[in-house]
Amino acid sequence: QVQLVESGGGLVQPGGSLRLSCAASGSIFSIYTMGWYRQAPGKQRELVAMIRRGGSTNYADSVRGRFTISRDNAKNTMYLQMNSLKPEDTAVYYCNVYLTNGSTGSWGQGTQVTVSS
């Protein structure tokens, strides 16, 4: 199984930037796709961005052009660079992975992102 630890969240003003990290451990050799999710109070968890082993990416319409997902396969770490942050980006951000056998990793505790003046 794959264990995940998110970090990098914090308080930032609208228009500011944050860089989130997701460190994976365990059966890291089998990771194919990594993704960032977020959940705001009273809302469902939503997919923000995903990146495949080969580097192809997908983004939610709400973050496209502002967020950039990347991964360092050698370090088994995924990043989410968030620019031009808006108050509606406020949420707990989680990462997860899909393995080559079709299974998923274990959800981490998430990291809180708060966008407010």
C-alpha atoms as a PDB file:
ATOM      1  CA  GLN A   1       0.000   0.000   0.000  1.00  0.00           C
ATOM      2  CA  VAL A   2       1.009   3.643  -0.428  1.00  0.00           C
ATOM      3  CA  GLN A   3       1.007   6.148   2.408  1.00  0.00           C
ATOM      4  CA  LEU A   4       0.671   9.849   1.671  1.00  0.00           C
ATOM      5  CA  VAL A   5       1.557  12.989   3.591  1.00  0.00           C
ATOM      6  CA  GLU A   6       0.385  16.401   2.456  1.00  0.00           C
ATOM      7  CA  SER A   7       2.107  19.613   3.461  1.00  0.00           C
ATOM      8  CA  GLY A   8       2.491  23.242   2.476  1.00  0.00           C
ATOM      9  CA  GLY A   9      -0.908  24.650   3.318  1.00  0.00           C
ATOM     10  CA  GLY A  10      -1.445  27.861   5.181  1.00  0.00           C
ATOM     11  CA  LEU A  11      -3.070  31.259   5.191  1.00  0.00           C
ATOM     12  CA  VAL A  12      -2.607  33.430   2.139  1.00  0.00           C
ATOM     13  CA  GLN A  13      -4.187  36.620   0.850  1.00  0.00           C
ATOM     14  CA  PRO A  14      -6.299  36.632  -2.307  1.00  0.00           C
ATOM     15  CA  GLY A  15      -4.035  36.758  -5.315  1.00  0.00           C
ATOM     16  CA  GLY A  16      -1.232  35.074  -3.434  1.00  0.00           C
ATOM     17  CA  SER A  17       0.464  31.750  -3.993  1.00  0.00           C
ATOM     18  CA  LEU A  18       1.105  28.500  -2.169  1.00  0.00           C
ATOM     19  CA  ARG A  19       2.955  25.346  -3.093  1.00  0.00           C
ATOM     20  CA  LEU A  20       1.637  22.061  -1.735  1.00  0.00           C
ATOM     21  CA  SER A  21       3.638  18.865  -1.514  1.00  0.00           C
ATOM     22  CA  CYS A  22       2.544  15.252  -1.313  1.00  0.00           C
ATOM     23  CA  ALA A  23       5.146  12.723  -0.243  1.00  0.00           C
ATOM     24  CA  ALA A  24       4.460   9.074  -0.997  1.00  0.00           C
ATOM     25  CA  SER A  25       5.956   6.066   0.705  1.00  0.00           C
ATOM     26  CA  GLY A  26       5.385   2.340   0.704  1.00  0.00           C
ATOM     27  CA  SER A  27       4.759   0.591  -2.600  1.00  0.00           C
ATOM     28  CA  ILE A  28       5.876   3.642  -4.525  1.00  0.00           C
ATOM     29  CA  PHE A  29       7.143   1.634  -7.467  1.00  0.00           C
ATOM     30  CA  SER A  30       3.565   0.952  -8.521  1.00  0.00           C
ATOM     31  CA  ILE A  31       2.256   4.546  -8.593  1.00  0.00           C
ATOM     32  CA  TYR A  32       0.839   5.504 -11.963  1.00  0.00           C
ATOM     33  CA  THR A  33      -1.423   8.491 -11.401  1.00  0.00           C
ATOM     34  CA  MET A  34      -1.287  11.068  -8.620  1.00  0.00           C
ATOM     35  CA  GLY A  35      -4.007  13.582  -7.932  1.00  0.00           C
ATOM     36  CA  TRP A  36      -4.927  16.522  -5.746  1.00  0.00           C
ATOM     37  CA  TYR A  37      -8.393  16.791  -4.238  1.00  0.00           C
ATOM     38  CA  ARG A  38     -10.006  19.378  -2.014  1.00  0.00           C
ATOM     39  CA  GLN A  39     -12.992  19.556   0.270  1.00  0.00           C
ATOM     40  CA  ALA A  40     -14.581  22.693   1.661  1.00  0.00           C
ATOM     41  CA  PRO A  41     -16.988  22.609   4.617  1.00  0.00           C
ATOM     42  CA  GLY A  42     -20.407  21.400   3.534  1.00  0.00           C
ATOM     43  CA  LYS A  43     -19.206  20.395   0.088  1.00  0.00           C
ATOM     44  CA  GLN A  44     -18.181  17.162  -1.554  1.00  0.00           C
ATOM     45  CA  ARG A  45     -14.569  16.342  -2.141  1.00  0.00           C
ATOM     46  CA  GLU A  46     -13.607  17.286  -5.675  1.00  0.00           C
ATOM     47  CA  LEU A  47     -10.739  16.469  -7.948  1.00  0.00           C
ATOM     48  CA  VAL A  48      -8.516  19.483  -8.529  1.00  0.00           C
ATOM     49  CA  ALA A  49      -5.774  18.123 -10.748  1.00  0.00           C
ATOM     50  CA  MET A  50      -4.119  14.878 -11.696  1.00  0.00           C
ATOM     51  CA  ILE A  51      -0.874  13.851 -13.294  1.00  0.00           C
ATOM     52  CA  ARG A  52       0.154  10.552 -14.816  1.00  0.00           C
ATOM     53  CA  ARG A  53       3.548   8.923 -14.712  1.00  0.00           C
ATOM     54  CA  GLY A  54       4.341  10.135 -18.199  1.00  0.00           C
ATOM     55  CA  GLY A  55       3.533  13.720 -17.241  1.00  0.00           C
ATOM     56  CA  SER A  56       0.133  14.298 -18.819  1.00  0.00           C
ATOM     57  CA  THR A  57      -2.216  16.371 -16.676  1.00  0.00           C
ATOM     58  CA  ASN A  58      -5.854  17.258 -16.146  1.00  0.00           C
ATOM     59  CA  TYR A  59      -7.334  20.186 -14.243  1.00  0.00           C
ATOM     60  CA  ALA A  60     -10.699  21.173 -12.917  1.00  0.00           C
ATOM     61  CA  ASP A  61     -12.141  24.105 -14.821  1.00  0.00           C
ATOM     62  CA  SER A  62     -12.118  26.197 -11.659  1.00  0.00           C
ATOM     63  CA  VAL A  63      -8.333  26.046 -11.317  1.00  0.00           C
ATOM     64  CA  ARG A  64      -7.114  25.726 -14.886  1.00  0.00           C
ATOM     65  CA  GLY A  65      -4.595  28.421 -15.687  1.00  0.00           C
ATOM     66  CA  ARG A  66      -3.937  29.176 -12.029  1.00  0.00           C
ATOM     67  CA  PHE A  67      -2.737  25.850 -10.614  1.00  0.00           C
ATOM     68  CA  THR A  68       0.054  23.650 -11.886  1.00  0.00           C
ATOM     69  CA  ILE A  69       0.480  20.022 -10.886  1.00  0.00           C
ATOM     70  CA  SER A  70       3.839  18.322 -11.174  1.00  0.00           C
ATOM     71  CA  ARG A  71       5.658  15.292  -9.851  1.00  0.00           C
ATOM     72  CA  ASP A  72       9.203  14.251  -9.185  1.00  0.00           C
ATOM     73  CA  ASN A  73       9.213  10.524  -9.758  1.00  0.00           C
ATOM     74  CA  ALA A  74      12.702  10.142  -8.316  1.00  0.00           C
ATOM     75  CA  LYS A  75      11.545  11.688  -5.041  1.00  0.00           C
ATOM     76  CA  ASN A  76       8.067  10.141  -5.150  1.00  0.00           C
ATOM     77  CA  THR A  77       6.657  13.567  -4.480  1.00  0.00           C
ATOM     78  CA  MET A  78       3.848  15.496  -6.127  1.00  0.00           C
ATOM     79  CA  TYR A  79       3.380  19.244  -6.041  1.00  0.00           C
ATOM     80  CA  LEU A  80       0.582  21.688  -6.593  1.00  0.00           C
ATOM     81  CA  GLN A  81       1.656  25.229  -7.357  1.00  0.00           C
ATOM     82  CA  MET A  82      -1.308  27.487  -6.674  1.00  0.00           C
ATOM     83  CA  ASN A  83      -1.225  31.031  -8.008  1.00  0.00           C
ATOM     84  CA  SER A  84      -3.812  33.796  -8.103  1.00  0.00           C
ATOM     85  CA  LEU A  85      -5.592  32.211  -5.181  1.00  0.00           C
ATOM     86  CA  LYS A  86      -9.216  33.074  -4.543  1.00  0.00           C
ATOM     87  CA  PRO A  87     -11.306  32.792  -1.371  1.00  0.00           C
ATOM     88  CA  GLU A  88     -13.263  29.977  -3.003  1.00  0.00           C
ATOM     89  CA  ASP A  89     -10.053  27.947  -3.101  1.00  0.00           C
ATOM     90  CA  THR A  90     -10.261  27.656   0.685  1.00  0.00           C
ATOM     91  CA  ALA A  91     -10.457  23.959   1.549  1.00  0.00           C
ATOM     92  CA  VAL A  92      -8.581  21.012   2.945  1.00  0.00           C
ATOM     93  CA  TYR A  93      -6.395  19.660   0.183  1.00  0.00           C
ATOM     94  CA  TYR A  94      -5.682  15.946  -0.092  1.00  0.00           C
ATOM     95  CA  CYS A  95      -3.621  13.840  -2.404  1.00  0.00           C
ATOM     96  CA  ASN A  96      -4.081  10.285  -3.523  1.00  0.00           C
ATOM     97  CA  VAL A  97      -2.655   7.883  -6.057  1.00  0.00           C
ATOM     98  CA  TYR A  98      -3.759   5.212  -8.460  1.00  0.00           C
ATOM     99  CA  LEU A  99      -1.508   2.220  -8.734  1.00  0.00           C
ATOM    100  CA  THR A 100      -0.704   0.249 -11.830  1.00  0.00           C
ATOM    101  CA  ASN A 101      -2.936  -2.566 -10.576  1.00  0.00           C
ATOM    102  CA  GLY A 102      -5.927  -0.227 -10.363  1.00  0.00           C
ATOM    103  CA  SER A 103      -5.977   0.209  -6.597  1.00  0.00           C
ATOM    104  CA  THR A 104      -5.673   3.504  -4.727  1.00  0.00           C
ATOM    105  CA  GLY A 105      -3.464   4.735  -1.955  1.00  0.00           C
ATOM    106  CA  SER A 106      -4.518   5.663   1.546  1.00  0.00           C
ATOM    107  CA  TRP A 107      -5.933   9.128   2.129  1.00  0.00           C
ATOM    108  CA  GLY A 108      -3.680  11.381   4.148  1.00  0.00           C
ATOM    109  CA  GLN A 109      -4.785  13.912   6.724  1.00  0.00           C
ATOM    110  CA  GLY A 110      -4.795  16.746   4.233  1.00  0.00           C
ATOM    111  CA  THR A 111      -3.421  20.248   4.505  1.00  0.00           C
ATOM    112  CA  GLN A 112      -5.545  23.320   5.122  1.00  0.00           C
ATOM    113  CA  VAL A 113      -5.484  26.153   2.617  1.00  0.00           C
ATOM    114  CA  THR A 114      -7.181  29.366   3.664  1.00  0.00           C
ATOM    115  CA  VAL A 115      -7.413  32.303   1.285  1.00  0.00           C
ATOM    116  CA  SER A 116      -8.481  35.426   3.101  1.00  0.00           C
ATOM    117  CA  SER A 117      -7.454  39.008   3.621  1.00  0.00           C
END
